[in-house]
Amino acid sequence: MTPSIAIGLAQYSDSHEIADMSRTLIEYGLPWTWRPGRIAREIAAPNKNVVVAKDQDSLVGFGIMEYLDEHAYLVLFAVRASTQRQGVGSAILQWLERSASVAGAERVRVEARRSNVAGRCFYSEHGYHELSIEPRRYSGVEDGVVLQKWLRNSGEA
């Protein structure tokens, strides 16, 4: 990862840029549902973390993690194409996984489009295993793949 990248919690002022990244990098070809207001609500939610990676003042990646009873759910995750394969995504994911572990989550779940081979490989490289295929998960037009990573054994304290 480039030394000028900083990872931290998102601010309300990041909502528009996160929403734009979601529209172009995640929701392409689908209805745009992750608009700035929805992102702002995620930032304010007590059971969620919205994390951003910034290169000086430029947002280059983000992740949204929801904390449930026994697992965490990686809701949205993206890195700008210009900074992919430089460790930014790995750093964001590790930050979120550490937070999930501290919050008591035993595992992290995430979904990816079935056609998103690069994303599925990224998660596989980070210890995620594909659990199931959800037919027509994305707006009824594209299948989703559910992936999971165990953070610790259920017997661990």
Protein backbone atom coordinates (compact mmCIF):
# COMPACT_ATOMS: atom_id res chain seq x y z
CA MET A 1 0.00 0.00 0.00
CA THR A 2 1.26 3.44 -0.79
CA PRO A 3 2.46 5.30 2.35
CA SER A 4 0.17 8.29 1.80
CA ILE A 5 -3.03 6.23 2.25
CA ALA A 6 -4.85 6.75 5.54
CA ILE A 7 -7.75 4.59 6.74
CA GLY A 8 -10.36 5.83 9.18
CA LEU A 9 -14.03 6.27 9.89
CA ALA A 10 -16.04 8.12 7.27
CA GLN A 11 -17.46 11.57 7.90
CA TYR A 12 -20.81 12.84 6.64
CA SER A 13 -18.89 14.87 4.08
CA ASP A 14 -17.75 11.57 2.49
CA SER A 15 -21.34 10.46 1.74
CA HIS A 16 -21.55 11.86 -1.78
CA GLU A 17 -18.22 10.43 -2.88
CA ILE A 18 -19.00 7.00 -1.40
CA ALA A 19 -22.40 7.03 -3.13
CA ASP A 20 -20.79 7.96 -6.45
CA MET A 21 -18.26 5.15 -6.07
CA SER A 22 -21.05 2.71 -5.28
CA ARG A 23 -22.98 3.79 -8.37
CA THR A 24 -20.00 3.39 -10.72
CA LEU A 25 -18.08 0.49 -9.15
CA ILE A 26 -20.76 -1.66 -7.49
CA GLU A 27 -24.22 -0.81 -8.81
CA TYR A 28 -23.34 -0.40 -12.49
CA GLY A 29 -26.15 -1.79 -14.64
CA LEU A 30 -28.53 -1.83 -11.67
CA PRO A 31 -30.80 0.78 -10.10
CA TRP A 32 -28.81 3.21 -7.93
CA THR A 33 -29.90 2.52 -4.35
CA TRP A 34 -26.88 3.65 -2.32
CA ARG A 35 -27.46 7.39 -2.59
CA PRO A 36 -25.81 9.98 -0.31
CA GLY A 37 -28.69 10.05 2.21
CA ARG A 38 -28.54 6.30 2.67
CA ILE A 39 -24.77 6.43 3.10
CA ALA A 40 -25.16 9.18 5.72
CA ARG A 41 -27.61 6.96 7.65
CA GLU A 42 -25.05 4.14 7.55
CA ILE A 43 -22.39 6.48 8.96
CA ALA A 44 -24.74 7.41 11.82
CA ALA A 45 -25.88 3.85 12.59
CA PRO A 46 -24.57 2.55 15.93
CA ASN A 47 -24.16 -1.04 14.69
CA LYS A 48 -22.16 -0.16 11.57
CA ASN A 49 -18.75 1.15 10.59
CA VAL A 50 -18.19 3.07 7.40
CA VAL A 51 -14.47 3.18 6.70
CA VAL A 52 -12.67 5.18 4.05
CA ALA A 53 -9.19 5.07 2.59
CA LYS A 54 -7.87 8.45 1.51
CA ASP A 55 -4.81 9.53 -0.42
CA GLN A 56 -4.41 13.03 1.01
CA ASP A 57 -7.92 14.42 0.46
CA SER A 58 -8.97 11.99 -2.29
CA LEU A 59 -11.18 9.04 -1.32
CA VAL A 60 -9.77 5.91 -2.96
CA GLY A 61 -11.74 3.16 -1.23
CA PHE A 62 -14.39 2.40 1.35
CA GLY A 63 -16.13 -0.39 3.21
CA ILE A 64 -19.36 -0.61 5.19
CA MET A 65 -19.61 -3.29 7.88
CA GLU A 66 -22.75 -4.16 9.84
CA TYR A 67 -22.39 -5.93 13.18
CA LEU A 68 -25.04 -8.54 13.94
CA ASP A 69 -25.33 -10.96 16.87
CA GLU A 70 -22.79 -13.61 15.89
CA HIS A 71 -21.43 -12.34 12.61
CA ALA A 72 -20.57 -9.22 10.73
CA TYR A 73 -21.86 -8.43 7.27
CA LEU A 74 -19.72 -6.55 4.76
CA VAL A 75 -22.45 -4.47 3.15
CA LEU A 76 -20.49 -2.50 0.53
CA PHE A 77 -16.84 -2.48 -0.46
CA ALA A 78 -14.99 -0.77 -3.30
CA VAL A 79 -11.60 0.57 -4.32
CA ARG A 80 -11.05 2.94 -7.22
CA ALA A 81 -9.55 1.21 -10.27
CA SER A 82 -6.52 3.51 -10.17
CA THR A 83 -5.52 2.17 -6.73
CA GLN A 84 -6.52 -1.48 -7.06
CA ARG A 85 -3.83 -4.14 -6.60
CA GLN A 86 -1.84 -1.80 -4.34
CA GLY A 87 -2.98 -3.13 -0.95
CA VAL A 88 -5.70 -0.53 -0.32
CA GLY A 89 -8.55 -3.05 -0.39
CA SER A 90 -6.60 -5.47 1.79
CA ALA A 91 -5.93 -2.75 4.36
CA ILE A 92 -9.60 -1.70 4.48
CA LEU A 93 -10.74 -5.31 4.78
CA GLN A 94 -8.25 -6.06 7.58
CA TRP A 95 -9.37 -2.93 9.46
CA LEU A 96 -13.00 -4.04 9.22
CA GLU A 97 -12.22 -7.65 10.16
CA ARG A 98 -10.30 -6.54 13.26
CA SER A 99 -13.25 -4.35 14.28
CA ALA A 100 -15.65 -7.25 13.73
CA SER A 101 -13.49 -9.52 15.89
CA VAL A 102 -13.34 -6.93 18.68
CA ALA A 103 -17.13 -6.58 18.44
CA GLY A 104 -17.42 -10.32 19.09
CA ALA A 105 -18.24 -11.54 15.60
CA GLU A 106 -17.27 -15.13 14.87
CA ARG A 107 -17.39 -14.68 11.10
CA VAL A 108 -17.79 -12.15 8.32
CA ARG A 109 -20.20 -12.63 5.43
CA VAL A 110 -20.24 -10.77 2.14
CA GLU A 111 -22.04 -11.08 -1.18
CA ALA A 112 -20.62 -10.50 -4.63
CA ARG A 113 -22.09 -10.61 -8.09
CA ARG A 114 -21.55 -14.01 -9.64
CA SER A 115 -19.95 -12.26 -12.62
CA ASN A 116 -17.51 -10.36 -10.37
CA VAL A 117 -14.65 -12.83 -10.73
CA ALA A 118 -12.01 -10.33 -9.58
CA GLY A 119 -13.96 -9.56 -6.39
CA ARG A 120 -14.57 -13.22 -5.65
CA CYS A 121 -10.86 -13.95 -6.13
CA PHE A 122 -9.97 -11.03 -3.84
CA TYR A 123 -12.14 -12.46 -1.06
CA SER A 124 -10.79 -15.97 -1.65
CA GLU A 125 -7.22 -14.64 -1.33
CA HIS A 126 -8.26 -13.22 2.06
CA GLY A 127 -9.64 -16.50 3.43
CA TYR A 128 -13.28 -16.27 2.36
CA HIS A 129 -15.09 -19.35 1.11
CA GLU A 130 -18.08 -19.42 -1.19
CA LEU A 131 -21.16 -20.77 0.56
CA SER A 132 -24.03 -20.46 -1.87
CA ILE A 133 -25.38 -18.90 -5.01
CA GLU A 134 -28.41 -16.62 -4.61
CA PRO A 135 -30.32 -16.67 -7.92
CA ARG A 136 -31.30 -13.26 -9.28
CA ARG A 137 -30.07 -11.54 -6.08
CA TYR A 138 -29.21 -8.25 -7.75
CA SER A 139 -32.39 -6.50 -8.91
CA GLY A 140 -33.68 -9.80 -10.21
CA VAL A 141 -31.18 -9.79 -13.07
CA GLU A 142 -27.93 -11.19 -11.71
CA ASP A 143 -26.97 -14.01 -9.36
CA GLY A 144 -25.11 -13.33 -6.15
CA VAL A 145 -22.52 -15.44 -4.37
CA VAL A 146 -22.44 -15.53 -0.56
CA LEU A 147 -18.94 -15.77 0.91
CA GLN A 148 -17.85 -16.23 4.51
CA LYS A 149 -14.71 -16.08 6.58
CA TRP A 150 -14.40 -17.44 10.10
CA LEU A 151 -12.56 -15.02 12.36
CA ARG A 152 -12.30 -17.46 15.25
CA ASN A 153 -13.71 -20.75 16.42
CA SER A 154 -17.06 -20.57 18.17
CA GLY A 155 -15.46 -22.10 21.28
CA GLU A 156 -12.89 -19.31 21.65
CA ALA A 157 -13.41 -16.57 24.21
